[in-house]
Amino acid sequence: METDSDLVGVSKELKSLTGFDSHAFNHLLEDTTPNTVLRILARFCMSLNEGIPALERGSNSGESEIVWKTAHKLAGSAEMLGFRDFGKKSKDLSWQLKQSDHLGAHSEEVVVYLSQARELAVQLAAVFPNQKNYL
């Protein structure tokens, strides 16, 4: 079955990513089917790729609301799938920006976060080339 071979390949490659927690990924797999896990991962990839331009817009315009909403949206999915470092950064940044009306003192953090989001998107595209099959 293609789903099983995709899951094996994706799982193996994900383990090589810095900050990836295979235990979280395996917990998700225990709670659902391989196809569902791959569908969740594919949706996360799509949200990440859609979120990057939103993060850029918010960063460039200084609109903290755009950035915090995007980071908040990515936080839960990232942690559930095992991207613990990115998930924690997403959660921390969204909380900090929720408390503020503008990026101000957090603009450097947003730039770093945006860079991490881009890097994760590139890594996921390489690790999960069949992601569009699961949307």
C-alpha atoms as a PDB file:
ATOM      1  CA  MET A   1       0.000   0.000   0.000  1.00  0.00           C
ATOM      2  CA  GLU A   2       1.373   3.417  -0.990  1.00  0.00           C
ATOM      3  CA  THR A   3       0.291   5.061   2.279  1.00  0.00           C
ATOM      4  CA  ASP A   4       2.328   2.615   4.355  1.00  0.00           C
ATOM      5  CA  SER A   5       5.458   3.064   2.259  1.00  0.00           C
ATOM      6  CA  ASP A   6       5.003   6.855   2.307  1.00  0.00           C
ATOM      7  CA  LEU A   7       4.656   6.765   6.092  1.00  0.00           C
ATOM      8  CA  VAL A   8       7.769   4.634   6.533  1.00  0.00           C
ATOM      9  CA  GLY A   9       9.809   6.916   4.285  1.00  0.00           C
ATOM     10  CA  VAL A  10       8.495  10.125   5.810  1.00  0.00           C
ATOM     11  CA  SER A  11       8.957   8.847   9.384  1.00  0.00           C
ATOM     12  CA  LYS A  12      12.534   7.855   8.692  1.00  0.00           C
ATOM     13  CA  GLU A  13      13.368  11.226   7.121  1.00  0.00           C
ATOM     14  CA  LEU A  14      11.587  13.260   9.801  1.00  0.00           C
ATOM     15  CA  LYS A  15      13.775  11.666  12.474  1.00  0.00           C
ATOM     16  CA  SER A  16      16.801  13.291  10.855  1.00  0.00           C
ATOM     17  CA  LEU A  17      15.392  16.816  11.312  1.00  0.00           C
ATOM     18  CA  THR A  18      16.729  18.892  14.181  1.00  0.00           C
ATOM     19  CA  GLY A  19      14.097  19.475  16.847  1.00  0.00           C
ATOM     20  CA  PHE A  20      11.824  16.675  15.674  1.00  0.00           C
ATOM     21  CA  ASP A  21      10.267  14.542  18.420  1.00  0.00           C
ATOM     22  CA  SER A  22       9.462  11.130  16.994  1.00  0.00           C
ATOM     23  CA  HIS A  23       7.595  10.200  20.195  1.00  0.00           C
ATOM     24  CA  ALA A  24       4.945  12.843  19.525  1.00  0.00           C
ATOM     25  CA  PHE A  25       4.635  11.671  15.929  1.00  0.00           C
ATOM     26  CA  ASN A  26       4.316   8.052  17.082  1.00  0.00           C
ATOM     27  CA  HIS A  27       1.651   9.035  19.647  1.00  0.00           C
ATOM     28  CA  LEU A  28      -0.367  10.559  16.859  1.00  0.00           C
ATOM     29  CA  LEU A  29       0.096   7.423  14.805  1.00  0.00           C
ATOM     30  CA  GLU A  30      -1.125   5.275  17.714  1.00  0.00           C
ATOM     31  CA  ASP A  31      -4.280   7.394  17.956  1.00  0.00           C
ATOM     32  CA  THR A  32      -5.189   7.291  14.274  1.00  0.00           C
ATOM     33  CA  THR A  33      -4.379   5.685  10.919  1.00  0.00           C
ATOM     34  CA  PRO A  34      -1.281   6.147   8.723  1.00  0.00           C
ATOM     35  CA  ASN A  35      -3.400   7.865   6.085  1.00  0.00           C
ATOM     36  CA  THR A  36      -4.797  10.321   8.635  1.00  0.00           C
ATOM     37  CA  VAL A  37      -1.317  11.127   9.990  1.00  0.00           C
ATOM     38  CA  LEU A  38      -0.081  11.847   6.476  1.00  0.00           C
ATOM     39  CA  ARG A  39      -3.154  13.974   5.799  1.00  0.00           C
ATOM     40  CA  ILE A  40      -2.529  15.985   8.985  1.00  0.00           C
ATOM     41  CA  LEU A  41       1.127  16.401   8.032  1.00  0.00           C
ATOM     42  CA  ALA A  42       0.162  17.486   4.506  1.00  0.00           C
ATOM     43  CA  ARG A  43      -2.291  20.057   5.900  1.00  0.00           C
ATOM     44  CA  PHE A  44       0.414  21.356   8.231  1.00  0.00           C
ATOM     45  CA  CYS A  45       2.754  21.720   5.253  1.00  0.00           C
ATOM     46  CA  MET A  46       0.056  23.637   3.403  1.00  0.00           C
ATOM     47  CA  SER A  47      -0.619  25.888   6.414  1.00  0.00           C
ATOM     48  CA  LEU A  48       3.090  26.525   6.816  1.00  0.00           C
ATOM     49  CA  ASN A  49       3.491  27.436   3.143  1.00  0.00           C
ATOM     50  CA  GLU A  50       0.453  29.720   3.313  1.00  0.00           C
ATOM     51  CA  GLY A  51       1.648  31.187   6.601  1.00  0.00           C
ATOM     52  CA  ILE A  52       5.056  32.280   5.325  1.00  0.00           C
ATOM     53  CA  PRO A  53       3.685  35.073   3.083  1.00  0.00           C
ATOM     54  CA  ALA A  54       1.393  36.169   5.919  1.00  0.00           C
ATOM     55  CA  LEU A  55       4.375  36.309   8.283  1.00  0.00           C
ATOM     56  CA  GLU A  56       6.297  38.327   5.695  1.00  0.00           C
ATOM     57  CA  ARG A  57       3.393  40.773   5.286  1.00  0.00           C
ATOM     58  CA  GLY A  58       3.003  41.179   9.024  1.00  0.00           C
ATOM     59  CA  SER A  59       6.717  41.583   9.553  1.00  0.00           C
ATOM     60  CA  ASN A  60       7.094  44.126   6.755  1.00  0.00           C
ATOM     61  CA  SER A  61       4.053  46.159   7.778  1.00  0.00           C
ATOM     62  CA  GLY A  62       4.649  45.875  11.532  1.00  0.00           C
ATOM     63  CA  GLU A  63       1.215  44.308  12.063  1.00  0.00           C
ATOM     64  CA  SER A  64       1.637  42.064  15.085  1.00  0.00           C
ATOM     65  CA  GLU A  65      -1.894  40.646  14.757  1.00  0.00           C
ATOM     66  CA  ILE A  66      -1.097  38.968  11.426  1.00  0.00           C
ATOM     67  CA  VAL A  67       2.073  37.431  12.854  1.00  0.00           C
ATOM     68  CA  TRP A  68       0.563  36.255  16.122  1.00  0.00           C
ATOM     69  CA  LYS A  69      -2.464  34.698  14.404  1.00  0.00           C
ATOM     70  CA  THR A  70      -0.221  32.826  11.977  1.00  0.00           C
ATOM     71  CA  ALA A  71       2.160  31.668  14.704  1.00  0.00           C
ATOM     72  CA  HIS A  72      -0.785  30.611  16.855  1.00  0.00           C
ATOM     73  CA  LYS A  73      -2.302  28.622  14.001  1.00  0.00           C
ATOM     74  CA  LEU A  74       0.971  26.756  13.438  1.00  0.00           C
ATOM     75  CA  ALA A  75       1.787  26.149  17.125  1.00  0.00           C
ATOM     76  CA  GLY A  76      -0.581  23.302  17.981  1.00  0.00           C
ATOM     77  CA  SER A  77      -0.138  21.361  14.769  1.00  0.00           C
ATOM     78  CA  ALA A  78       3.637  21.667  14.931  1.00  0.00           C
ATOM     79  CA  GLU A  79       3.794  20.251  18.449  1.00  0.00           C
ATOM     80  CA  MET A  80       1.263  17.492  17.739  1.00  0.00           C
ATOM     81  CA  LEU A  81       3.284  16.337  14.731  1.00  0.00           C
ATOM     82  CA  GLY A  82       6.566  16.378  16.641  1.00  0.00           C
ATOM     83  CA  PHE A  83       8.135  19.669  15.563  1.00  0.00           C
ATOM     84  CA  ARG A  84       8.634  20.597  19.204  1.00  0.00           C
ATOM     85  CA  ASP A  85      11.191  23.389  18.737  1.00  0.00           C
ATOM     86  CA  PHE A  86       9.162  25.129  16.043  1.00  0.00           C
ATOM     87  CA  GLY A  87       5.953  24.541  17.994  1.00  0.00           C
ATOM     88  CA  LYS A  88       7.417  26.052  21.155  1.00  0.00           C
ATOM     89  CA  LYS A  89       8.773  29.030  19.225  1.00  0.00           C
ATOM     90  CA  SER A  90       5.354  29.470  17.589  1.00  0.00           C
ATOM     91  CA  LYS A  91       3.575  29.336  20.935  1.00  0.00           C
ATOM     92  CA  ASP A  92       6.014  31.716  22.655  1.00  0.00           C
ATOM     93  CA  LEU A  93       5.959  34.238  19.824  1.00  0.00           C
ATOM     94  CA  SER A  94       2.177  34.206  19.496  1.00  0.00           C
ATOM     95  CA  TRP A  95       1.799  34.746  23.247  1.00  0.00           C
ATOM     96  CA  GLN A  96       4.285  37.638  23.259  1.00  0.00           C
ATOM     97  CA  LEU A  97       2.662  39.318  20.269  1.00  0.00           C
ATOM     98  CA  LYS A  98      -0.850  38.831  21.638  1.00  0.00           C
ATOM     99  CA  GLN A  99       0.240  41.043  24.537  1.00  0.00           C
ATOM    100  CA  SER A 100       1.429  43.804  22.191  1.00  0.00           C
ATOM    101  CA  ASP A 101      -0.165  46.137  19.647  1.00  0.00           C
ATOM    102  CA  HIS A 102       2.911  46.249  17.419  1.00  0.00           C
ATOM    103  CA  LEU A 103       5.994  44.185  16.664  1.00  0.00           C
ATOM    104  CA  GLY A 104       8.334  46.688  18.259  1.00  0.00           C
ATOM    105  CA  ALA A 105      10.768  44.846  20.499  1.00  0.00           C
ATOM    106  CA  HIS A 106       9.854  41.501  18.906  1.00  0.00           C
ATOM    107  CA  SER A 107      10.790  42.332  15.323  1.00  0.00           C
ATOM    108  CA  GLU A 108      14.097  40.416  15.527  1.00  0.00           C
ATOM    109  CA  GLU A 109      12.324  37.371  16.917  1.00  0.00           C
ATOM    110  CA  VAL A 110       9.834  37.545  14.053  1.00  0.00           C
ATOM    111  CA  VAL A 111      12.663  37.618  11.506  1.00  0.00           C
ATOM    112  CA  VAL A 112      14.267  34.549  13.139  1.00  0.00           C
ATOM    113  CA  TYR A 113      10.894  32.800  13.310  1.00  0.00           C
ATOM    114  CA  LEU A 114      10.212  33.536   9.646  1.00  0.00           C
ATOM    115  CA  SER A 115      13.586  32.066   8.758  1.00  0.00           C
ATOM    116  CA  GLN A 116      12.786  28.936  10.776  1.00  0.00           C
ATOM    117  CA  ALA A 117       9.404  28.630   9.065  1.00  0.00           C
ATOM    118  CA  ARG A 118      11.015  28.855   5.632  1.00  0.00           C
ATOM    119  CA  GLU A 119      13.644  26.280   6.568  1.00  0.00           C
ATOM    120  CA  LEU A 120      11.038  23.878   7.930  1.00  0.00           C
ATOM    121  CA  ALA A 121       8.932  24.274   4.771  1.00  0.00           C
ATOM    122  CA  VAL A 122      11.936  23.414   2.593  1.00  0.00           C
ATOM    123  CA  GLN A 123      12.792  20.422   4.769  1.00  0.00           C
ATOM    124  CA  LEU A 124       9.227  19.139   4.704  1.00  0.00           C
ATOM    125  CA  ALA A 125       9.021  19.470   0.930  1.00  0.00           C
ATOM    126  CA  ALA A 126      12.140  17.297   0.668  1.00  0.00           C
ATOM    127  CA  VAL A 127      11.030  14.781   3.302  1.00  0.00           C
ATOM    128  CA  PHE A 128       7.420  14.501   2.124  1.00  0.00           C
ATOM    129  CA  PRO A 129       7.410  14.996  -1.648  1.00  0.00           C
ATOM    130  CA  ASN A 130       4.008  13.268  -2.014  1.00  0.00           C
ATOM    131  CA  GLN A 131       2.248  15.626   0.398  1.00  0.00           C
ATOM    132  CA  LYS A 132      -0.187  16.905  -2.257  1.00  0.00           C
ATOM    133  CA  ASN A 133      -1.519  13.347  -2.612  1.00  0.00           C
ATOM    134  CA  TYR A 134      -2.874  13.608   0.943  1.00  0.00           C
ATOM    135  CA  LEU A 135      -4.710  16.929   0.723  1.00  0.00           C
END
